[in-house]
Amino acid sequence: MEQARQPVLRGERLILRELVPADTPALFRLMSDPAVMRYWSRTPFTDVWEAAELIEAIRLDTAAGALWEWALESKEGDGLIGTCTLHHLNPRHRRAEIGCALTPGQWGHGLMREAMALVITHTFADPASGGLGLERIEADTDPRNTATLSLLKRLGFRAEGLLRRRWCVAGAWSDSAIFGLLRAEWTEAGARDLHPGLPPGKGRE
C-alpha cells in the first residue's frame, strides 16, 4: 500500500480536513479542556505552544506516512470542533489505530459517529478508489469511558481484551480496553450505521 495524499472527507454535517497552523487556538481550547482529556494518556495542555508543536509534529508524521489526523469542522462553519486520527499506520500488516476528540458543546449529536464512519470507510476502501485498503483498525480506550465504548460497539468494533495499568497520567494508573474492527465486518456494520433503517445482519489518545 502506497501512502496516498490525505483527502478531504465530507459527511452530512461535517468536513474533515488537514490540520493547519491557523487551527492552533482552537486545538489548544480542545486539548486544554479537562472534560475532553479525562481519559487520554496525557494531561491537558496548559500553553498554546503545545498545540502549535503538535500540529508541526502531525505534519512531520503525516509526511513520513505514520499518521493522518483530520480536523473536524461543521459545514456551518466555526472552525475546528474536534479531531479524528489514524495513527501507528502499518502498511505491511495493513492496520492502524483510531482516536478522536470532540469539544463538549458538540457532544450528544452524533457528530463523532459521523466523523469516525467517514474515516473508517476511507481506511478500508480500495486504493484504486482513493482509500487506504487496510484490513484492520484498532482502538485503545479507557474502560471507564462509557460513551466511547458505546460508540465503538455501534460502529461494529469488537472487544478483544483488557491491558491492565497500561498508562500512568499525573501519577494515576489506568487500563486499556482494546477493540478491533476488520474490513469484512465494516462492509455490513458500516452500512447499517450510515443508514440506520437497514435491518440488522450478522455481522485512546
Protein backbone atom coordinates (compact mmCIF):
# COMPACT_ATOMS: atom_id res chain seq x y z
CA MET A 1 0.00 0.00 0.00
CA GLU A 2 1.42 3.37 -1.03
CA GLN A 3 0.86 6.37 1.19
CA ALA A 4 -1.80 8.45 -0.51
CA ARG A 5 -2.40 12.15 -0.22
CA GLN A 6 -4.64 12.92 2.74
CA PRO A 7 -8.09 13.66 1.33
CA VAL A 8 -10.86 15.95 2.49
CA LEU A 9 -13.77 13.79 3.71
CA ARG A 10 -17.29 15.19 3.55
CA GLY A 11 -20.28 13.95 5.52
CA GLU A 12 -23.82 15.13 6.05
CA ARG A 13 -22.82 17.74 8.62
CA LEU A 14 -19.03 17.64 8.79
CA ILE A 15 -15.98 18.37 6.72
CA LEU A 16 -12.79 16.51 7.70
CA ARG A 17 -9.62 18.24 6.52
CA GLU A 18 -5.94 18.58 7.32
CA LEU A 19 -4.87 20.43 10.44
CA VAL A 20 -3.16 23.73 9.64
CA PRO A 21 -1.30 26.28 11.80
CA ALA A 22 -4.39 28.52 11.83
CA ASP A 23 -6.10 25.78 13.90
CA THR A 24 -3.68 26.33 16.80
CA PRO A 25 -6.01 28.38 19.08
CA ALA A 26 -8.98 26.03 18.54
CA LEU A 27 -6.83 22.93 19.03
CA PHE A 28 -5.49 24.40 22.26
CA ARG A 29 -9.02 25.06 23.54
CA LEU A 30 -9.96 21.47 22.71
CA MET A 31 -6.94 19.82 24.30
CA SER A 32 -6.78 22.04 27.36
CA ASP A 33 -10.34 21.07 28.34
CA PRO A 34 -10.26 18.60 31.27
CA ALA A 35 -13.54 17.03 30.12
CA VAL A 36 -12.07 16.23 26.69
CA MET A 37 -8.78 14.95 28.10
CA ARG A 38 -10.21 12.97 31.01
CA TYR A 39 -9.48 9.56 29.50
CA TRP A 40 -6.42 10.44 27.41
CA SER A 41 -2.91 9.14 28.01
CA ARG A 42 -1.61 12.63 28.78
CA THR A 43 -2.60 15.63 30.85
CA PRO A 44 -4.47 18.62 29.34
CA PHE A 45 -2.48 21.28 27.51
CA THR A 46 -1.52 24.29 29.60
CA ASP A 47 0.01 26.55 26.94
CA VAL A 48 -0.89 27.33 23.33
CA TRP A 49 2.63 26.44 22.18
CA GLU A 50 1.81 22.79 22.90
CA ALA A 51 -0.91 22.92 20.24
CA ALA A 52 1.46 24.58 17.77
CA GLU A 53 4.09 21.92 18.42
CA LEU A 54 1.52 19.16 17.99
CA ILE A 55 0.40 20.47 14.60
CA GLU A 56 4.02 20.54 13.44
CA ALA A 57 4.62 17.01 14.75
CA ILE A 58 1.49 15.83 12.93
CA ARG A 59 2.77 17.42 9.71
CA LEU A 60 6.07 15.54 10.00
CA ASP A 61 4.43 12.22 10.91
CA THR A 62 1.98 12.58 8.03
CA ALA A 63 4.85 13.22 5.61
CA ALA A 64 6.54 10.06 6.94
CA GLY A 65 3.37 8.03 6.38
CA ALA A 66 2.91 7.22 10.08
CA LEU A 67 -0.21 9.21 10.87
CA TRP A 68 -3.19 11.04 9.43
CA GLU A 69 -5.11 13.49 11.57
CA TRP A 70 -8.22 15.29 10.41
CA ALA A 71 -9.69 18.48 11.79
CA LEU A 72 -13.46 18.20 12.24
CA GLU A 73 -15.31 21.27 11.02
CA SER A 74 -19.05 21.81 10.83
CA LYS A 75 -20.41 22.66 7.40
CA GLU A 76 -21.99 25.63 9.16
CA GLY A 77 -18.51 26.99 9.91
CA ASP A 78 -16.95 27.99 13.26
CA GLY A 79 -13.62 26.25 12.59
CA LEU A 80 -12.19 23.19 14.30
CA ILE A 81 -14.53 21.44 16.73
CA GLY A 82 -12.65 18.15 17.08
CA THR A 83 -10.15 15.74 15.58
CA CYS A 84 -10.11 12.19 14.25
CA THR A 85 -6.78 10.42 13.93
CA LEU A 86 -5.35 7.33 12.27
CA HIS A 87 -2.03 6.60 13.95
CA HIS A 88 0.50 3.77 14.05
CA LEU A 89 -0.23 3.22 10.36
CA ASN A 90 1.35 -0.08 9.35
CA PRO A 91 1.22 -0.65 5.57
CA ARG A 92 2.96 -4.02 5.77
CA HIS A 93 0.36 -5.51 8.09
CA ARG A 94 -2.44 -3.25 6.77
CA ARG A 95 -3.60 -1.94 10.13
CA ALA A 96 -3.88 1.32 12.08
CA GLU A 97 -5.23 2.71 15.34
CA ILE A 98 -8.02 5.27 15.52
CA GLY A 99 -8.66 8.03 18.04
CA CYS A 100 -10.95 11.02 18.33
CA ALA A 101 -11.77 14.14 20.33
CA LEU A 102 -14.74 16.49 20.23
CA THR A 103 -15.49 19.74 22.02
CA PRO A 104 -18.07 19.18 24.81
CA GLY A 105 -20.51 21.66 23.32
CA GLN A 106 -20.96 19.26 20.39
CA TRP A 107 -21.42 16.05 22.40
CA GLY A 108 -24.61 14.06 22.07
CA HIS A 109 -25.44 14.96 18.45
CA GLY A 110 -23.87 12.00 16.63
CA LEU A 111 -21.05 14.06 15.12
CA MET A 112 -18.26 11.77 16.29
CA ARG A 113 -20.08 8.76 14.90
CA GLU A 114 -20.34 10.56 11.55
CA ALA A 115 -16.65 11.50 11.60
CA MET A 116 -15.43 8.04 12.55
CA ALA A 117 -17.66 6.40 9.94
CA LEU A 118 -16.13 8.64 7.27
CA VAL A 119 -12.58 7.82 8.37
CA ILE A 120 -13.27 4.09 8.69
CA THR A 121 -14.88 3.93 5.25
CA HIS A 122 -11.86 5.69 3.73
CA THR A 123 -9.43 3.45 5.63
CA PHE A 124 -10.99 0.24 4.32
CA ALA A 125 -11.70 1.48 0.78
CA ASP A 126 -9.57 0.09 -2.05
CA PRO A 127 -6.55 2.18 -3.06
CA ALA A 128 -7.91 2.20 -6.62
CA SER A 129 -10.78 4.33 -5.35
CA GLY A 130 -8.51 6.54 -3.24
CA GLY A 131 -8.72 4.62 0.03
CA LEU A 132 -6.01 3.04 2.13
CA GLY A 133 -7.01 -0.58 1.66
CA LEU A 134 -6.28 -1.54 5.26
CA GLU A 135 -7.56 -4.77 6.79
CA ARG A 136 -7.84 -3.85 10.47
CA ILE A 137 -8.44 -0.82 12.70
CA GLU A 138 -7.74 -0.89 16.43
CA ALA A 139 -8.97 1.35 19.24
CA ASP A 140 -7.46 1.74 22.72
CA THR A 141 -9.76 3.41 25.24
CA ASP A 142 -10.13 3.71 28.97
CA PRO A 143 -12.74 1.13 30.11
CA ARG A 144 -14.40 3.89 32.21
CA ASN A 145 -15.10 5.89 29.04
CA THR A 146 -18.59 4.52 28.53
CA ALA A 147 -19.55 6.96 25.77
CA THR A 148 -16.62 5.89 23.57
CA LEU A 149 -17.16 2.22 24.35
CA SER A 150 -20.77 2.57 23.21
CA LEU A 151 -19.73 4.39 20.03
CA LEU A 152 -17.16 1.74 19.13
CA LYS A 153 -19.72 -1.03 19.55
CA ARG A 154 -22.28 0.81 17.42
CA LEU A 155 -19.64 1.11 14.69
CA GLY A 156 -19.06 -2.64 14.76
CA PHE A 157 -15.83 -2.82 16.81
CA ARG A 158 -15.42 -5.95 18.91
CA ALA A 159 -13.87 -6.07 22.38
CA GLU A 160 -10.61 -8.02 22.21
CA GLY A 161 -9.07 -7.68 25.65
CA LEU A 162 -8.04 -5.58 28.63
CA LEU A 163 -4.50 -4.37 29.28
CA ARG A 164 -4.17 -3.54 32.98
CA ARG A 165 -2.34 -0.49 34.39
CA ARG A 166 -1.12 0.48 30.93
CA TRP A 167 -0.99 4.27 31.33
CA CYS A 168 0.22 6.46 34.18
CA VAL A 169 -1.05 10.03 33.89
CA ALA A 170 -0.29 12.54 36.64
CA GLY A 171 0.50 9.64 38.97
CA ALA A 172 -2.80 7.81 38.33
CA TRP A 173 -2.90 4.42 36.60
CA SER A 174 -5.50 3.44 34.02
CA ASP A 175 -6.27 0.35 31.96
CA SER A 176 -6.73 -0.04 28.20
CA ALA A 177 -9.78 -1.69 26.67
CA ILE A 178 -8.71 -2.91 23.23
CA PHE A 179 -11.21 -3.07 20.37
CA GLY A 180 -10.77 -4.20 16.78
CA LEU A 181 -12.69 -3.84 13.52
CA LEU A 182 -11.97 -5.84 10.36
CA ARG A 183 -12.60 -4.71 6.82
CA ALA A 184 -15.12 -7.50 6.17
CA GLU A 185 -17.06 -6.59 9.31
CA TRP A 186 -17.31 -2.93 8.34
CA THR A 187 -18.95 -3.68 4.99
CA GLU A 188 -22.12 -4.60 6.82
CA ALA A 189 -21.80 -2.78 10.16
CA GLY A 190 -20.84 0.47 8.46
CA ALA A 191 -23.74 0.35 6.06
CA ARG A 192 -26.16 -0.04 8.98
CA ASP A 193 -24.54 2.82 10.88
CA LEU A 194 -24.73 5.23 7.96
CA HIS A 195 -28.25 4.06 7.11
CA PRO A 196 -29.90 3.11 10.44
CA GLY A 197 -33.09 1.96 8.72
CA LEU A 198 -31.39 -1.13 7.29
CA PRO A 199 -32.28 -4.42 9.00
CA PRO A 200 -29.61 -5.94 11.29
CA GLY A 201 -27.36 -8.66 9.94
CA LYS A 202 -24.53 -10.78 11.24
CA GLY A 203 -22.00 -9.02 11.04
CA ARG A 204 -7.24 6.21 23.09
CA GLU A 205 -5.46 9.38 22.91
